[in-house]
C-alpha atoms as a PDB file:
ATOM      1  CA  MET A   1      22.527  89.495 168.843  1.00  0.00           C
ATOM      2  CA  THR A   2      21.396  91.661 165.913  1.00  0.00           C
ATOM      3  CA  PRO A   3      20.709  89.942 162.953  1.00  0.00           C
ATOM      4  CA  GLU A   4      24.297  92.014 161.773  1.00  0.00           C
ATOM      5  CA  GLN A   5      26.338  90.265 163.245  1.00  0.00           C
ATOM      6  CA  ILE A   6      24.713  86.958 163.414  1.00  0.00           C
ATOM      7  CA  ALA A   7      24.612  86.690 159.644  1.00  0.00           C
ATOM      8  CA  ALA A   8      28.410  88.250 159.815  1.00  0.00           C
ATOM      9  CA  LEU A   9      29.263  85.668 162.120  1.00  0.00           C
ATOM     10  CA  SER A  10      27.498  82.529 159.507  1.00  0.00           C
ATOM     11  CA  ALA A  11      30.162  84.601 156.932  1.00  0.00           C
ATOM     12  CA  ILE A  12      32.876  84.294 158.874  1.00  0.00           C
ATOM     13  CA  ALA A  13      32.857  80.912 159.554  1.00  0.00           C
ATOM     14  CA  SER A  14      31.225  79.896 156.261  1.00  0.00           C
ATOM     15  CA  ILE A  15      34.652  81.422 154.530  1.00  0.00           C
ATOM     16  CA  ILE A  16      36.726  79.598 157.246  1.00  0.00           C
ATOM     17  CA  GLY A  17      34.778  76.089 155.981  1.00  0.00           C
ATOM     18  CA  GLN A  18      35.423  77.562 152.682  1.00  0.00           C
ATOM     19  CA  ILE A  19      38.972  77.951 152.922  1.00  0.00           C
ATOM     20  CA  GLY A  20      39.956  75.517 155.768  1.00  0.00           C
ATOM     21  CA  THR A  21      42.350  75.837 159.613  1.00  0.00           C
ATOM     22  CA  TRP A  22      45.269  75.955 157.913  1.00  0.00           C
ATOM     23  CA  PRO A  23      45.569  80.125 156.968  1.00  0.00           C
ATOM     24  CA  ILE A  24      44.171  80.569 160.600  1.00  0.00           C
ATOM     25  CA  ALA A  25      46.699  78.740 162.675  1.00  0.00           C
ATOM     26  CA  SER A  26      49.388  80.177 160.498  1.00  0.00           C
ATOM     27  CA  LEU A  27      48.188  83.448 161.669  1.00  0.00           C
ATOM     28  CA  LEU A  28      48.313  82.303 165.330  1.00  0.00           C
ATOM     29  CA  ALA A  29      51.502  80.702 165.003  1.00  0.00           C
ATOM     30  CA  VAL A  30      52.713  83.784 163.191  1.00  0.00           C
ATOM     31  CA  ILE A  31      51.596  85.962 166.371  1.00  0.00           C
ATOM     32  CA  VAL A  32      52.904  83.831 168.807  1.00  0.00           C
ATOM     33  CA  LEU A  33      55.869  82.594 167.163  1.00  0.00           C
ATOM     34  CA  GLY A  34      56.943  85.298 164.694  1.00  0.00           C
ATOM     35  CA  PRO A  35      58.188  87.498 168.186  1.00  0.00           C
ATOM     36  CA  TRP A  36      59.803  84.243 169.060  1.00  0.00           C
ATOM     37  CA  GLY A  37      62.028  84.824 166.371  1.00  0.00           C
ATOM     38  CA  ILE A  38      62.500  88.196 166.413  1.00  0.00           C
ATOM     39  CA  MET A  39      64.394  88.258 168.787  1.00  0.00           C
ATOM     40  CA  PHE A  40      66.101  85.212 167.914  1.00  0.00           C
ATOM     41  CA  PHE A  41      67.888  87.298 164.821  1.00  0.00           C
ATOM     42  CA  LEU A  42      68.295  89.969 167.196  1.00  0.00           C
ATOM     43  CA  ALA A  43      70.013  88.223 169.766  1.00  0.00           C
ATOM     44  CA  ARG A  44      72.124  86.912 166.818  1.00  0.00           C
ATOM     45  CA  SER A  45      72.841  90.085 165.766  1.00  0.00           C
ATOM     46  CA  ASN A  46      74.347  91.638 168.488  1.00  0.00           C
ATOM     47  CA  ASP A  47      76.018  88.680 169.330  1.00  0.00           C
ATOM     48  CA  LYS A  48      77.814  89.362 166.567  1.00  0.00           C
ATOM     49  CA  ARG A  49      77.995  93.138 166.771  1.00  0.00           C
ATOM     50  CA  LEU A  50      79.200  92.462 170.781  1.00  0.00           C
ATOM     51  CA  GLU A  51      82.288  90.069 168.975  1.00  0.00           C
ATOM     52  CA  ALA A  52      82.687  92.449 166.647  1.00  0.00           C
ATOM     53  CA  ALA A  53      83.413  95.333 169.488  1.00  0.00           C
ATOM     54  CA  LEU A  54      85.660  92.781 171.830  1.00  0.00           C
ATOM     55  CA  LYS A  55      88.088  92.208 168.113  1.00  0.00           C
ATOM     56  CA  MET A  56      88.203  95.496 167.716  1.00  0.00           C
ATOM     57  CA  TYR A  57      89.385  96.599 171.889  1.00  0.00           C
ATOM     58  CA  GLU A  58      91.737  93.282 171.246  1.00  0.00           C
ATOM     59  CA  SER A  59      93.202  95.219 168.004  1.00  0.00           C
ATOM     60  CA  ASN A  60      94.063  98.068 170.129  1.00  0.00           C
ATOM     61  CA  VAL A  61      95.400  96.272 172.167  1.00  0.00           C
ATOM     62  CA  LYS A  62      97.181  95.362 170.279  1.00  0.00           C
ATOM     63  CA  LEU A  63      98.074  98.909 168.675  1.00  0.00           C
ATOM     64  CA  VAL A  64      98.944  99.681 172.002  1.00  0.00           C
ATOM     65  CA  VAL A  65     101.622  97.511 172.356  1.00  0.00           C
ATOM     66  CA  ASN A  66     103.789  97.978 169.235  1.00  0.00           C
ATOM     67  CA  TYR A  67     103.294 101.929 169.387  1.00  0.00           C
ATOM     68  CA  GLU A  68     105.141 101.405 172.536  1.00  0.00           C
ATOM     69  CA  LYS A  69     107.769  99.387 171.269  1.00  0.00           C
ATOM     70  CA  ILE A  70     108.098 101.922 168.354  1.00  0.00           C
ATOM     71  CA  ALA A  71     108.107 104.999 171.567  1.00  0.00           C
ATOM     72  CA  THR A  72     111.192 103.048 172.877  1.00  0.00           C
ATOM     73  CA  GLU A  73     113.203 102.245 169.899  1.00  0.00           C
ATOM     74  CA  GLN A  74     112.854 106.443 168.813  1.00  0.00           C
ATOM     75  CA  VAL A  75     114.069 106.746 172.961  1.00  0.00           C
ATOM     76  CA  ASP A  76     116.726 105.279 171.902  1.00  0.00           C
ATOM     77  CA  THR A  77     117.585 106.198 168.685  1.00  0.00           C
ATOM     78  CA  ILE A  78     117.471 109.865 170.025  1.00  0.00           C
ATOM     79  CA  ARG A  79     119.376 109.193 172.991  1.00  0.00           C
ATOM     80  CA  LEU A  80     122.231 107.210 170.087  1.00  0.00           C
ATOM     81  CA  ALA A  81     121.921 110.836 167.721  1.00  0.00           C
ATOM     82  CA  THR A  82     122.222 113.320 170.680  1.00  0.00           C
ATOM     83  CA  ALA A  83     125.312 111.567 172.453  1.00  0.00           C
ATOM     84  CA  ALA A  84     126.823 111.356 168.267  1.00  0.00           C
ATOM     85  CA  THR A  85     125.413 115.619 167.813  1.00  0.00           C
ATOM     86  CA  THR A  86     127.472 116.014 171.941  1.00  0.00           C
ATOM     87  CA  GLU A  87     130.996 114.278 171.137  1.00  0.00           C
ATOM     88  CA  LEU A  88     131.124 115.948 167.411  1.00  0.00           C
ATOM     89  CA  THR A  89     130.166 119.403 168.358  1.00  0.00           C
ATOM     90  CA  THR A  90     132.665 118.381 171.734  1.00  0.00           C
ATOM     91  CA  TRP A  91     135.155 117.267 169.316  1.00  0.00           C
ATOM     92  CA  LEU A  92     135.037 120.994 166.685  1.00  0.00           C
ATOM     93  CA  LYS A  93     135.570 123.250 170.054  1.00  0.00           C
ATOM     94  CA  THR A  94     138.361 121.474 170.830  1.00  0.00           C
ATOM     95  CA  ARG A  95     140.159 120.680 168.019  1.00  0.00           C
ATOM     96  CA  THR A  96     142.929 123.202 166.237  1.00  0.00           C
ATOM     97  CA  PRO A  97     141.713 125.257 163.457  1.00  0.00           C
ATOM     98  CA  CYS A  98     142.438 124.260 159.971  1.00  0.00           C
ATOM     99  CA  HIS A  99     144.696 127.901 159.117  1.00  0.00           C
ATOM    100  CA  ALA A 100     146.590 126.995 162.352  1.00  0.00           C
ATOM    101  CA  LEU A 101     147.221 123.694 161.043  1.00  0.00           C
ATOM    102  CA  LEU A 102     148.182 125.430 157.647  1.00  0.00           C
ATOM    103  CA  ALA A 103     150.429 127.552 158.885  1.00  0.00           C
ATOM    104  CA  ALA A 104     152.299 125.127 160.736  1.00  0.00           C
ATOM    105  CA  ARG A 105     152.986 122.810 157.488  1.00  0.00           C
ATOM    106  CA  LEU A 106     154.003 125.833 155.959  1.00  0.00           C
ATOM    107  CA  ARG A 107     156.460 126.642 158.535  1.00  0.00           C
ATOM    108  CA  SER A 108     158.121 123.277 158.363  1.00  0.00           C
ATOM    109  CA  ASN A 109     157.940 122.777 154.977  1.00  0.00           C
ATOM    110  CA  ASN A 110     159.581 126.035 154.942  1.00  0.00           C
ATOM    111  CA  SER A 111     162.682 125.448 157.580  1.00  0.00           C
END
């Protein structure tokens, strides 16, 4: 080893001796355990996101079921309205015109 390398190593050793081994142990713990902690938090956030998506799909299923119910009720309403319109049209086509009724009343009153 060169004298500069020996001087650098002895300087690092003296710094470690002065501050102790806690910072180095902390740094090693962060390097080793840090990725595990990050993966834990990412997994939790992914689980929450998945639960939110699942809840959204369940809500969509409820929405479709309610929409089918409303559509069925709307079909019934349309059928009733069509039947009423047909009945009214039939009555209007087969009724005696108003002027014919008035003429018949006038004839009966004059007689």
